[in-house]
Structures are given as structure tokens and as C-alpha cells.
Amino acid sequence: MRTHTTSNKITFAMVTLGAFFGLWAMAVLVAGLHRVNWQVTELIRHYLVASGMITPMHTVVDFYTHIKGIEYLICVAFFVAFPMFYKYVEKSDSQTRATVQAKQ
């Protein structure tokens, strides 16, 4: 069986590069937390707004529209999931009945 070895130079380069990226990420995190007065949730909110995952809501109508959209998505998911669940429950129940009747 053949073993795979790496040279010490490649290992050192990988460790150095990983340490550099780790230090950079920590520096960015600390700078971001300092900017938002050390509030983690505010930093997360800034990230989500900047990346477009959430939009700031300025009026009650914006908020209500957002909530109604989420409500409709939940309803669609329920309307899809419930018949599948019912079919699963009925299938296993009919098989149980057939087994009980066969044993009698």
C-alpha cells in the first residue's frame, strides 16, 4: 500500500495561509462589533440588510404585507404536506387492519 506524504514547505504554507485568513476574519469581526457598539444582533441585522436578505420596514403597511406573505407560504406548505401525511397515515392503518384480520 502506498502512502501519501506532503513536504514540510507545503504544510507550512497551508498553515500560514489559514492563520492569515483566520486573523483577518477575527479583525473584521472585532471591527464590525466595535462599529455597532458590541451588539451582536445589531451586527447580524446590518449584514442581513446589506446583503438584501431583509429590507427595512418603515410603515405598518410594509410590516403587514410581509407578514401576510409569510402566512400565505405557510398555508401553501400546509396544503401540500397535510394530504401527503394523511395518505401516509391511512396507508399504514389499512395495512395494520389487513394484518389483524388475517390473524383472526
Foldseek 3Di string as FASTA:
>chain_A
DDDDDDDPVVVVVVVVVVVVVVVVVVVVVVVLCVVVVNDPVVSVVVVCCVVVVDDDDDDVVSVVVVVVVVVVVVVVVCVVPVVVVVVVVVVVVVVVVVVVVVVD
